[in-house]
Amino acid sequence: MSRYFRAASLIFASLGFGGVAAAQSAELDRYEEPYRPQYHFSPDKGWIGDPDGLIHYNGRFGLFWWGKATSTDLVHYAQESSMVMTGDAGNVRYFSGSVVVDKRNTAGFGVNAQVAVYTLFDKATKRQVQGISSSSDGHRFQFFPGNPVLDIGSTEFRDPTVFWHAPTSTWIMAVALARDRKIQFYSSPDLKAWTLLSDFSAPGVGREVWECPDLIELPVDGDPSRKKWVLVVSVDWSHEEYFIGDFDGTTFVESNKAIRDSRSANNAYYVDLGLDFYASRTFRDYDDTLMRTTSLGWVSTWAYANQVPSSWGKGFWSIPRDLALKSYPEGVRLLQTPVRALKSLRQEPVAFVAALAAGTRVLPKFRPKRNVYEIDATFRTDTPNRFGFDLCVGDGHRVAIRYDSLSQILTIDRTNSSAVPIPGFARQASAPVAPLNHHLRLHIYVDKSSVEVFANDGKEVFTLLTYAGDVQTGIEIFADHPGTIMRFNGWRLNSIWHEMPKRGDS
C-alpha cells in the first residue's frame, strides 16, 4: 500500500476516535510540502542521490539509497528505513553501489542472502574502495569485517554495478575510475576476491569524470535472438552517455568503434537530453519473472543539487522507464518509455483534435489546478511551423517547449521557470528530434518541480527540474503560423501518497 495508508493505519490503531482526524490531517500535510513531487519517489525527509541496489525479488521491487523503499508496481512506494547499513566503525561513508541476491551462497552468508556491494569512502585517507555488507532479510545489512574487498589505492574509484553472469558462472563488477574516464570490469567467484578483467574508455566522452556505470543486455527490436549489451556511463556530473556493443564476460566492445573514435558532443548517444537526469541504474530481476528492463535516475545536477528550495530534504528520482533497443535508418538506438503502471494514476481523460492558431493562447478544455498531470500530444509536421506548449505558466514564469519543423530542433527552456532564484539554474536544453512519418509525439509528465518529455515514443527524452510555484499552473499552446494539427490527450494524475494503489498495466 502507499506510504500514507501504511503509516496512517499505525497511527489510527494507537489513537482514540477523537485523534483520528488530526492524525490524518498531519499525515496528508506531510507529503504536501512545497515542491514535493506527487508521483515521483522521494524519501519522507533528508537527502537522496543516486539510485542504488535496484532489485526485484519475492515479487517486490527494492530500492536503496542506503535508505530503503519497496514497491509492487513502481508507482506506489513504502519507505522502510532511512539507513539500512550497520556495523561499521564510523570511519567511512557509503557511496553508490548495488544489491545482489546470492542464490548459490557463493559468499558464505547463506542461500538467498542479499549482499550490498558499494564504494566505501575513508574519511581519513579520502580513498575510495569497494566493500560489502550482507543481510538475511534485506532490512538490515551487516558490515563485512574483511572490508575492503577491492582496493587499488585510488581516491577516484567508485560506483560498482554487480550482477551474476550466467555464461561464465561468475559475478561481474563494472566500476568507474572516475578521473581516468574509464570503466573497469572485474570478476569474482564469491563477492570477496576480485580479479581485473579489462578496461573500457572512449575518446571524446566526458572531459572531467566518468561515474555510475551500468551494464545490461537487451533484445534488438524485441527479438530475443538478437541481443546487444548497453553500457551506461554518467559523465561530468550532469549527463549520461550509452554505448551499444558486446560483452563476453571479460571485455565490452562497442559495435561502432569507428563512430566512437570520432565521437564529439554532436554525435554522442545521450540517455537523456535534458538538464537533470543522472546516475541511472536498472532493476535486476532475481525472480526471473519480469518481461521488461526498467531504470530509475536521479533528477538533479551537482551544480545546484544542494541549493534547491525543497523543505523536506533534497532530491527525488525519475519516473521508472522501460528500456528497449530499436533499429532506425541511422542505427540501433535506446528507447525509454514510462512504465505502463503509471496509467493507474490517471483521472478522467480530456481529448480533442485542433488546428493551431497563430500566437499564444490558453490551452482549451484541459486546465489542471496543480502541476500534477500528463499530456500526450501528437502534431503533424508536414507544414513548416514552430509550435509547442508553455507549461507552469503564472506570476510571470513559464517552461517553454518549442519545436521547429524546418530545423527539426526541440527546445525546452526553463530559464524563467523557478518561483525562487537558484544559482546556475536558468538554462535550456535543445536537441535534434526528427519526426516519424510526419508526426511529432510529445508525451509529457509534469510533477510539481519537474518536467519529463518523451519524444517520439521515447527515442529522445528530456528531464528538467522547474521548481514552479503553486500559482504556476497555466498551460498555453503556441504556434508561429496557423494550421498545424494537434491531437491532444491529457489527464490529471492522482498523488501516490494519498491514494490507494489501483490495479493497472505493470
Protein backbone atom coordinates (compact mmCIF):
# COMPACT_ATOMS: atom_id res chain seq x y z
CA MET A 1 0.00 0.00 0.00
CA SER A 2 1.04 3.63 -0.28
CA ARG A 3 3.12 5.18 2.48
CA TYR A 4 0.14 7.27 3.60
CA PHE A 5 -2.11 4.30 4.26
CA ARG A 6 0.68 2.21 5.78
CA ALA A 7 1.65 4.97 8.20
CA ALA A 8 -1.89 6.12 8.88
CA SER A 9 -3.03 2.62 9.82
CA LEU A 10 -0.35 2.50 12.51
CA ILE A 11 -1.28 5.94 13.79
CA PHE A 12 -5.01 5.24 13.87
CA ALA A 13 -4.51 1.98 15.78
CA SER A 14 -2.88 3.90 18.62
CA LEU A 15 -5.37 6.78 18.80
CA GLY A 16 -8.91 7.16 20.02
CA PHE A 17 -11.62 8.32 17.65
CA GLY A 18 -11.06 11.96 18.57
CA GLY A 19 -7.46 11.87 17.41
CA VAL A 20 -8.09 10.25 14.04
CA ALA A 21 -8.91 13.44 12.13
CA ALA A 22 -5.88 15.28 13.46
CA ALA A 23 -3.56 12.38 12.67
CA GLN A 24 -4.99 12.05 9.16
CA SER A 25 -4.55 15.77 8.52
CA ALA A 26 -0.94 15.70 9.76
CA GLU A 27 -0.07 12.73 7.55
CA LEU A 28 -1.66 14.35 4.48
CA ASP A 29 0.25 17.57 5.08
CA ARG A 30 3.46 15.60 5.40
CA TYR A 31 3.65 14.93 1.67
CA GLU A 32 2.26 18.28 0.57
CA GLU A 33 5.34 20.40 1.25
CA PRO A 34 6.17 22.96 -1.44
CA TYR A 35 7.83 21.33 -4.46
CA ARG A 36 7.28 17.77 -3.18
CA PRO A 37 6.66 15.54 -6.25
CA GLN A 38 3.37 13.68 -6.08
CA TYR A 39 4.15 10.63 -8.26
CA HIS A 40 7.95 10.51 -8.19
CA PHE A 41 9.67 8.77 -5.30
CA SER A 42 11.26 10.96 -2.65
CA PRO A 43 12.14 9.98 0.94
CA ASP A 44 10.00 11.31 3.76
CA LYS A 45 12.89 13.56 4.74
CA GLY A 46 16.58 14.03 4.08
CA TRP A 47 18.88 13.67 1.11
CA ILE A 48 18.53 11.27 -1.78
CA GLY A 49 21.06 10.91 -4.56
CA ASP A 50 21.93 8.04 -6.89
CA PRO A 51 19.54 5.07 -7.09
CA ASP A 52 21.36 2.08 -5.56
CA GLY A 53 20.72 -1.63 -5.31
CA LEU A 54 17.64 -1.78 -7.55
CA ILE A 55 16.34 -5.35 -7.41
CA HIS A 56 13.17 -7.36 -8.00
CA TYR A 57 12.86 -10.25 -5.54
CA ASN A 58 10.00 -12.20 -3.96
CA GLY A 59 7.50 -10.21 -6.03
CA ARG A 60 8.65 -6.81 -4.78
CA PHE A 61 10.93 -4.12 -6.06
CA GLY A 62 13.62 -3.00 -3.64
CA LEU A 63 15.07 0.49 -4.00
CA PHE A 64 18.06 1.67 -1.99
CA TRP A 65 19.86 4.93 -1.43
CA TRP A 66 21.18 3.13 1.66
CA GLY A 67 17.82 4.02 2.94
CA LYS A 68 15.28 1.57 1.55
CA ALA A 69 11.85 1.62 -0.06
CA THR A 70 9.78 -1.15 -1.63
CA SER A 71 7.10 -1.26 -4.30
CA THR A 72 4.92 -3.83 -6.01
CA ASP A 73 4.17 -1.71 -9.10
CA LEU A 74 6.87 1.00 -9.34
CA VAL A 75 4.17 3.59 -8.81
CA HIS A 76 3.36 3.35 -5.10
CA TYR A 77 6.15 3.07 -2.55
CA ALA A 78 6.60 2.20 1.12
CA GLN A 79 9.70 3.60 2.79
CA GLU A 80 11.16 1.05 5.20
CA SER A 81 14.28 2.76 6.53
CA SER A 82 16.39 5.88 6.20
CA MET A 83 19.58 3.80 6.70
CA VAL A 84 19.96 0.03 6.32
CA MET A 85 23.73 -0.18 6.90
CA THR A 86 25.09 -1.20 10.29
CA GLY A 87 28.27 -2.48 11.92
CA ASP A 88 30.99 -0.19 10.55
CA ALA A 89 33.45 1.60 12.83
CA GLY A 90 32.19 5.06 11.94
CA ASN A 91 35.24 5.97 9.87
CA VAL A 92 33.59 5.54 6.47
CA ARG A 93 30.82 6.90 4.31
CA TYR A 94 28.73 4.77 1.97
CA PHE A 95 28.76 5.82 -1.68
CA SER A 96 26.80 4.31 -4.59
CA GLY A 97 26.56 0.64 -5.41
CA SER A 98 24.45 -2.47 -5.94
CA VAL A 99 22.49 -5.16 -4.14
CA VAL A 100 22.55 -8.77 -5.32
CA VAL A 101 20.69 -11.89 -4.19
CA ASP A 102 23.24 -14.67 -3.67
CA LYS A 103 21.08 -17.65 -4.60
CA ARG A 104 24.05 -20.04 -4.64
CA ASN A 105 25.57 -18.89 -1.32
CA THR A 106 28.81 -18.06 -3.11
CA ALA A 107 29.81 -15.55 -0.41
CA GLY A 108 29.00 -17.83 2.53
CA PHE A 109 26.39 -15.54 4.08
CA GLY A 110 23.59 -18.04 3.39
CA VAL A 111 21.42 -19.13 0.48
CA ASN A 112 19.49 -16.12 -0.89
CA ALA A 113 21.39 -13.68 1.29
CA GLN A 114 21.19 -10.14 -0.02
CA VAL A 115 24.62 -8.59 -0.41
CA ALA A 116 25.23 -4.89 -0.92
CA VAL A 117 28.34 -4.00 -2.92
CA TYR A 118 29.26 -0.33 -2.70
CA THR A 119 32.02 2.23 -2.54
CA LEU A 120 33.42 2.99 0.91
CA PHE A 121 34.87 6.47 1.36
CA ASP A 122 37.52 6.56 4.07
CA LYS A 123 37.09 9.82 5.97
CA ALA A 124 40.75 9.99 7.00
CA THR A 125 42.59 8.95 3.83
CA LYS A 126 39.90 10.03 1.31
CA ARG A 127 40.47 6.75 -0.52
CA GLN A 128 37.59 5.10 -2.34
CA VAL A 129 37.42 1.31 -2.04
CA GLN A 130 34.76 -1.33 -2.65
CA GLY A 131 33.08 -3.03 0.29
CA ILE A 132 30.21 -5.41 1.01
CA SER A 133 27.51 -5.86 3.65
CA SER A 134 25.13 -8.81 4.00
CA SER A 135 21.54 -9.28 5.06
CA SER A 136 19.35 -12.32 5.60
CA ASP A 137 16.12 -10.40 5.01
CA GLY A 138 17.01 -7.20 3.11
CA HIS A 139 16.13 -4.93 6.04
CA ARG A 140 19.47 -4.51 7.83
CA PHE A 141 22.88 -5.05 6.22
CA GLN A 142 25.86 -6.08 8.38
CA PHE A 143 29.27 -4.65 7.54
CA PHE A 144 31.73 -7.34 6.38
CA PRO A 145 34.75 -7.41 8.73
CA GLY A 146 37.07 -8.24 5.83
CA ASN A 147 36.33 -4.95 4.04
CA PRO A 148 37.53 -3.57 1.74
CA VAL A 149 37.14 -6.34 -0.82
CA LEU A 150 38.73 -4.27 -3.59
CA ASP A 151 41.29 -1.51 -3.05
CA ILE A 152 43.55 -0.13 -5.79
CA GLY A 153 44.81 2.80 -3.71
CA SER A 154 42.71 5.41 -5.52
CA THR A 155 40.68 8.41 -4.37
CA GLU A 156 38.60 8.25 -7.58
CA PHE A 157 37.38 4.62 -7.81
CA ARG A 158 33.65 4.25 -7.32
CA ASP A 159 30.04 3.23 -8.00
CA PRO A 160 30.13 -0.54 -8.64
CA THR A 161 27.34 -2.29 -10.50
CA VAL A 162 27.46 -6.05 -9.83
CA PHE A 163 25.48 -8.86 -11.46
CA TRP A 164 25.67 -12.63 -11.98
CA HIS A 165 26.94 -13.56 -15.46
CA ALA A 166 25.44 -16.97 -16.18
CA PRO A 167 27.59 -17.93 -19.22
CA THR A 168 30.77 -17.70 -17.13
CA SER A 169 29.18 -18.59 -13.76
CA THR A 170 30.75 -15.63 -12.02
CA TRP A 171 29.96 -12.26 -10.53
CA ILE A 172 30.84 -9.29 -12.74
CA MET A 173 31.56 -5.79 -11.45
CA ALA A 174 31.57 -2.65 -13.59
CA VAL A 175 33.20 0.19 -11.65
CA ALA A 176 34.45 3.66 -12.59
CA LEU A 177 37.97 5.03 -12.48
CA ALA A 178 36.41 8.46 -12.43
CA ARG A 179 39.26 10.85 -13.26
CA ASP A 180 40.84 8.44 -15.74
CA ARG A 181 37.49 8.37 -17.56
CA LYS A 182 37.32 4.62 -17.90
CA ILE A 183 35.23 1.69 -16.71
CA GLN A 184 36.94 -1.37 -15.28
CA PHE A 185 35.43 -4.85 -15.29
CA TYR A 186 36.23 -7.35 -12.54
CA SER A 187 35.09 -10.91 -11.83
CA SER A 188 34.65 -12.79 -8.55
CA PRO A 189 33.53 -16.28 -7.52
CA ASP A 190 32.39 -15.12 -4.07
CA LEU A 191 31.90 -11.31 -4.00
CA LYS A 192 35.02 -11.06 -1.83
CA ALA A 193 38.02 -11.69 -4.10
CA TRP A 194 38.02 -9.70 -7.33
CA THR A 195 40.15 -10.11 -10.47
CA LEU A 196 40.62 -7.36 -13.05
CA LEU A 197 39.34 -8.40 -16.49
CA SER A 198 39.53 -5.36 -18.76
CA ASP A 199 39.11 -1.60 -19.18
CA PHE A 200 36.79 0.39 -21.41
CA SER A 201 37.26 4.02 -22.44
CA ALA A 202 36.09 6.19 -25.32
CA PRO A 203 37.77 9.28 -26.81
CA GLY A 204 35.69 12.44 -26.73
CA VAL A 205 33.33 11.28 -23.98
CA GLY A 206 33.33 13.45 -20.88
CA ARG A 207 36.08 15.91 -20.11
CA GLU A 208 36.23 15.53 -16.33
CA VAL A 209 34.77 12.35 -14.80
CA TRP A 210 33.02 9.07 -15.51
CA GLU A 211 30.75 7.62 -12.82
CA CYS A 212 27.91 5.19 -12.06
CA PRO A 213 28.30 2.56 -14.80
CA ASP A 214 25.52 0.11 -15.58
CA LEU A 215 25.76 -2.82 -18.00
CA ILE A 216 22.63 -4.54 -19.27
CA GLU A 217 21.63 -6.87 -22.10
CA LEU A 218 18.60 -6.01 -24.25
CA PRO A 219 16.97 -7.57 -27.31
CA VAL A 220 17.04 -5.57 -30.53
CA ASP A 221 13.57 -4.85 -31.97
CA GLY A 222 12.08 -7.24 -29.41
CA ASP A 223 13.90 -10.24 -30.89
CA PRO A 224 15.43 -12.38 -28.10
CA SER A 225 17.79 -13.98 -30.63
CA ARG A 226 19.31 -10.55 -31.38
CA LYS A 227 20.68 -9.15 -28.16
CA LYS A 228 23.15 -6.37 -27.50
CA TRP A 229 24.79 -5.10 -24.34
CA VAL A 230 24.33 -1.47 -23.33
CA LEU A 231 26.90 0.28 -21.14
CA VAL A 232 25.54 3.43 -19.49
CA VAL A 233 28.03 5.90 -18.01
CA SER A 234 27.38 9.15 -16.13
CA VAL A 235 29.78 11.89 -17.24
CA ASP A 236 30.82 15.27 -15.89
CA TRP A 237 28.22 15.28 -13.08
CA SER A 238 25.41 16.25 -15.45
CA HIS A 239 24.82 13.79 -18.33
CA GLU A 240 24.69 10.12 -19.23
CA GLU A 241 26.04 8.52 -22.39
CA TYR A 242 25.40 5.00 -23.59
CA PHE A 243 27.38 2.57 -25.70
CA ILE A 244 25.90 -0.40 -27.58
CA GLY A 245 28.11 -3.43 -28.06
CA ASP A 246 29.03 -6.94 -26.98
CA PHE A 247 30.23 -8.34 -23.66
CA ASP A 248 31.73 -11.83 -23.47
CA GLY A 249 32.19 -11.97 -19.71
CA THR A 250 35.60 -10.33 -19.94
CA THR A 251 35.57 -7.38 -22.34
CA PHE A 252 33.00 -4.87 -23.57
CA VAL A 253 33.47 -3.93 -27.25
CA GLU A 254 31.37 -1.14 -28.75
CA SER A 255 29.70 -2.13 -32.01
CA ASN A 256 30.51 1.04 -33.96
CA LYS A 257 34.10 1.67 -32.94
CA ALA A 258 34.71 3.97 -35.91
CA ILE A 259 31.89 6.23 -34.72
CA ARG A 260 33.21 6.02 -31.17
CA ASP A 261 36.72 7.06 -32.23
CA SER A 262 35.39 10.20 -33.95
CA ARG A 263 32.77 10.97 -31.36
CA SER A 264 32.12 14.54 -30.30
CA ALA A 265 29.40 16.25 -28.32
CA ASN A 266 27.39 16.47 -31.55
CA ASN A 267 27.11 12.73 -32.14
CA ALA A 268 27.25 11.33 -28.62
CA TYR A 269 24.47 8.96 -27.59
CA TYR A 270 22.82 10.58 -24.58
CA VAL A 271 20.41 8.69 -22.35
CA ASP A 272 18.61 11.95 -21.57
CA LEU A 273 18.89 15.23 -23.48
CA GLY A 274 17.60 17.41 -20.65
CA LEU A 275 19.44 19.08 -17.81
CA ASP A 276 18.63 16.90 -14.80
CA PHE A 277 18.99 13.14 -15.26
CA TYR A 278 21.98 11.32 -13.80
CA ALA A 279 23.31 8.12 -12.20
CA SER A 280 20.55 5.87 -13.51
CA ARG A 281 20.52 2.13 -12.81
CA THR A 282 18.33 -0.77 -13.86
CA PHE A 283 16.42 -3.26 -11.74
CA ARG A 284 17.99 -6.73 -11.59
CA ASP A 285 15.31 -9.43 -11.62
CA TYR A 286 16.08 -12.22 -9.14
CA ASP A 287 12.63 -13.78 -9.61
CA ASP A 288 13.18 -14.19 -13.36
CA THR A 289 9.60 -13.10 -13.97
CA LEU A 290 9.90 -9.58 -15.42
CA MET A 291 9.35 -9.10 -19.13
CA ARG A 292 10.97 -5.66 -19.27
CA THR A 293 14.14 -3.92 -18.07
CA THR A 294 13.38 -0.79 -16.07
CA SER A 295 15.61 2.05 -14.94
CA LEU A 296 15.48 4.94 -12.47
CA GLY A 297 17.63 8.07 -12.47
CA TRP A 298 18.43 10.91 -10.08
CA VAL A 299 16.58 14.08 -11.11
CA SER A 300 19.21 16.67 -10.32
CA THR A 301 22.63 18.03 -11.21
CA TRP A 302 25.54 18.65 -8.87
CA ALA A 303 25.72 22.32 -9.94
CA TYR A 304 22.71 23.16 -7.75
CA ALA A 305 21.62 19.94 -6.01
CA ASN A 306 22.26 21.42 -2.57
CA GLN A 307 20.60 24.76 -3.35
CA VAL A 308 17.11 23.75 -4.47
CA PRO A 309 14.27 25.13 -2.30
CA SER A 310 12.60 21.88 -1.16
CA SER A 311 11.88 21.82 2.58
CA TRP A 312 11.55 18.08 3.35
CA GLY A 313 15.08 17.39 2.09
CA LYS A 314 16.93 17.33 -1.22
CA GLY A 315 16.38 15.20 -4.29
CA PHE A 316 14.00 12.70 -5.89
CA TRP A 317 14.06 10.05 -8.60
CA SER A 318 12.64 9.97 -12.11
CA ILE A 319 9.55 8.09 -13.10
CA PRO A 320 10.57 4.50 -13.91
CA ARG A 321 11.41 3.90 -17.57
CA ASP A 322 11.26 0.66 -19.53
CA LEU A 323 14.28 0.29 -21.81
CA ALA A 324 14.46 -1.21 -25.30
CA LEU A 325 16.72 -1.21 -28.35
CA LYS A 326 15.22 -0.33 -31.72
CA SER A 327 16.65 -0.18 -35.24
CA TYR A 328 16.45 3.08 -37.20
CA PRO A 329 17.99 4.07 -40.54
CA GLU A 330 20.87 5.68 -38.62
CA GLY A 331 21.42 2.61 -36.44
CA VAL A 332 20.25 0.94 -33.24
CA ARG A 333 19.17 3.36 -30.52
CA LEU A 334 17.99 3.17 -26.91
CA LEU A 335 14.27 3.76 -26.29
CA GLN A 336 12.80 4.75 -22.93
CA THR A 337 9.10 4.64 -22.18
CA PRO A 338 7.27 5.40 -18.93
CA VAL A 339 6.17 2.24 -17.10
CA ARG A 340 2.60 1.42 -18.05
CA ALA A 341 1.51 1.12 -14.42
CA LEU A 342 1.55 4.94 -14.26
CA LYS A 343 -1.75 4.80 -16.13
CA SER A 344 -3.36 3.74 -12.86
CA LEU A 345 -2.94 7.33 -11.61
CA ARG A 346 -4.98 8.89 -14.42
CA GLN A 347 -8.22 10.71 -13.71
CA GLU A 348 -10.84 11.37 -16.40
CA PRO A 349 -9.26 11.99 -19.83
CA VAL A 350 -9.52 15.19 -21.83
CA ALA A 351 -9.16 14.58 -25.57
CA PHE A 352 -9.60 16.73 -28.65
CA VAL A 353 -8.18 17.47 -32.11
CA ALA A 354 -7.50 21.06 -33.13
CA ALA A 355 -5.80 23.15 -35.79
CA LEU A 356 -3.41 25.56 -34.04
CA ALA A 357 -3.99 29.27 -34.39
CA ALA A 358 -1.12 31.73 -34.72
CA GLY A 359 0.16 33.19 -31.46
CA THR A 360 -0.06 32.09 -27.83
CA ARG A 361 -3.40 31.03 -26.37
CA VAL A 362 -4.63 29.32 -23.24
CA LEU A 363 -4.96 25.60 -23.89
CA PRO A 364 -8.68 24.81 -24.12
CA LYS A 365 -10.51 22.19 -22.06
CA PHE A 366 -7.54 20.93 -20.00
CA ARG A 367 -6.81 23.18 -17.01
CA PRO A 368 -5.36 21.32 -14.01
CA LYS A 369 -5.38 23.19 -10.71
CA ARG A 370 -1.88 22.00 -9.86
CA ASN A 371 1.18 20.74 -11.71
CA VAL A 372 0.43 17.04 -11.35
CA TYR A 373 -0.62 15.86 -14.80
CA GLU A 374 0.23 14.00 -18.00
CA ILE A 375 -0.04 15.20 -21.61
CA ASP A 376 0.21 13.03 -24.72
CA ALA A 377 0.08 15.27 -27.80
CA THR A 378 0.87 14.47 -31.44
CA PHE A 379 1.48 17.19 -34.05
CA ARG A 380 1.59 16.93 -37.83
CA THR A 381 4.89 18.32 -39.12
CA ASP A 382 4.37 18.36 -42.90
CA THR A 383 3.56 22.10 -42.79
CA PRO A 384 6.57 24.30 -41.86
CA ASN A 385 5.92 25.87 -38.47
CA ARG A 386 7.26 26.47 -35.00
CA PHE A 387 4.90 25.35 -32.26
CA GLY A 388 4.70 23.98 -28.75
CA PHE A 389 3.50 24.45 -25.20
CA ASP A 390 4.09 26.85 -22.36
CA LEU A 391 3.79 24.89 -19.11
CA CYS A 392 3.83 26.01 -15.48
CA VAL A 393 2.59 29.44 -16.51
CA GLY A 394 1.88 32.04 -13.85
CA ASP A 395 3.26 35.04 -11.97
CA GLY A 396 5.49 35.87 -14.93
CA HIS A 397 7.08 32.40 -15.11
CA ARG A 398 6.83 29.54 -17.61
CA VAL A 399 8.53 26.50 -19.12
CA ALA A 400 8.61 26.91 -22.90
CA ILE A 401 8.61 23.83 -25.17
CA ARG A 402 9.22 24.72 -28.83
CA TYR A 403 9.60 22.56 -31.94
CA ASP A 404 10.79 23.89 -35.29
CA SER A 405 9.60 21.59 -38.06
CA LEU A 406 12.16 23.01 -40.53
CA SER A 407 15.29 22.62 -38.40
CA GLN A 408 13.76 19.64 -36.53
CA ILE A 409 15.08 21.02 -33.24
CA LEU A 410 13.17 20.61 -29.97
CA THR A 411 13.99 23.17 -27.28
CA ILE A 412 12.84 23.19 -23.66
CA ASP A 413 13.56 26.50 -21.95
CA ARG A 414 13.22 26.65 -18.17
CA THR A 415 15.21 29.91 -17.90
CA ASN A 416 12.30 31.62 -16.13
CA SER A 417 10.56 28.61 -14.60
CA SER A 418 11.52 28.72 -10.94
CA ALA A 419 9.49 30.69 -8.43
CA VAL A 420 12.68 31.34 -6.44
CA PRO A 421 16.22 32.15 -7.59
CA ILE A 422 18.55 29.13 -7.85
CA PRO A 423 22.16 29.90 -8.81
CA GLY A 424 23.11 28.30 -12.13
CA PHE A 425 19.57 27.11 -12.79
CA ALA A 426 18.48 29.36 -15.70
CA ARG A 427 19.21 27.26 -18.78
CA GLN A 428 17.60 25.47 -21.72
CA ALA A 429 18.01 22.11 -23.42
CA SER A 430 17.94 21.75 -27.19
CA ALA A 431 18.48 18.77 -29.49
CA PRO A 432 17.54 17.38 -32.92
CA VAL A 433 14.29 15.38 -32.91
CA ALA A 434 13.29 14.07 -36.32
CA PRO A 435 9.56 13.49 -36.88
CA LEU A 436 8.36 9.96 -37.52
CA ASN A 437 6.07 9.65 -40.55
CA HIS A 438 5.43 13.43 -40.50
CA HIS A 439 4.35 13.37 -36.86
CA LEU A 440 5.93 14.57 -33.61
CA ARG A 441 4.69 12.95 -30.44
CA LEU A 442 5.37 14.67 -27.10
CA HIS A 443 4.49 12.57 -24.06
CA ILE A 444 4.92 14.90 -21.09
CA TYR A 445 4.85 14.30 -17.33
CA VAL A 446 4.61 17.38 -15.10
CA ASP A 447 5.01 16.91 -11.35
CA LYS A 448 5.31 19.93 -9.06
CA SER A 449 9.01 20.70 -9.62
CA SER A 450 9.92 18.75 -12.76
CA VAL A 451 9.02 18.09 -16.38
CA GLU A 452 9.87 14.88 -18.28
CA VAL A 453 9.31 14.85 -22.05
CA PHE A 454 9.35 11.59 -24.02
CA ALA A 455 9.54 12.46 -27.71
CA ASN A 456 8.71 10.03 -30.49
CA ASP A 457 7.93 7.02 -28.31
CA GLY A 458 10.95 7.63 -26.11
CA LYS A 459 13.71 7.82 -28.69
CA GLU A 460 14.59 11.25 -27.29
CA VAL A 461 13.92 12.10 -23.64
CA PHE A 462 14.31 15.40 -21.79
CA THR A 463 14.22 15.70 -17.99
CA LEU A 464 14.34 19.11 -16.33
CA LEU A 465 13.74 20.49 -12.87
CA THR A 466 11.45 23.53 -12.81
CA TYR A 467 10.62 24.40 -9.18
CA ALA A 468 7.49 26.17 -10.34
CA GLY A 469 5.43 27.86 -7.65
CA ASP A 470 1.91 26.75 -6.69
CA VAL A 471 0.33 29.58 -8.72
CA GLN A 472 2.15 28.48 -11.88
CA THR A 473 -0.46 26.05 -13.16
CA GLY A 474 -1.36 27.58 -16.54
CA ILE A 475 -0.91 25.76 -19.85
CA GLU A 476 -0.68 27.60 -23.17
CA ILE A 477 -0.41 26.43 -26.76
CA PHE A 478 1.79 28.33 -29.21
CA ALA A 479 2.36 28.46 -32.99
CA ASP A 480 4.09 30.90 -35.33
CA HIS A 481 1.61 30.14 -38.10
CA PRO A 482 -1.91 28.69 -38.22
CA GLY A 483 -2.81 25.24 -39.46
CA THR A 484 -0.70 22.65 -37.61
CA ILE A 485 -2.97 19.81 -36.49
CA MET A 486 -2.67 18.68 -32.89
CA ARG A 487 -4.20 15.53 -31.39
CA PHE A 488 -4.33 16.11 -27.64
CA ASN A 489 -4.85 13.81 -24.68
CA GLY A 490 -4.44 14.94 -21.08
CA TRP A 491 -5.01 13.56 -17.60
CA ARG A 492 -4.83 14.96 -14.11
CA LEU A 493 -2.90 12.45 -12.03
CA ASN A 494 -3.58 11.24 -8.51
CA SER A 495 -0.97 11.56 -5.79
CA ILE A 496 0.80 8.32 -4.91
CA TRP A 497 0.99 9.42 -1.29
CA HIS A 498 -2.73 9.89 -0.71
CA GLU A 499 -4.38 7.34 -2.98
CA MET A 500 -4.69 3.60 -2.61
CA PRO A 501 -2.86 1.85 -5.46
CA LYS A 502 -5.09 0.71 -8.30
CA ARG A 503 -4.64 -2.34 -10.47
CA GLY A 504 -3.02 -1.22 -13.71
CA ASP A 505 -0.79 -2.42 -16.50
CA SER A 506 2.52 -3.48 -14.99
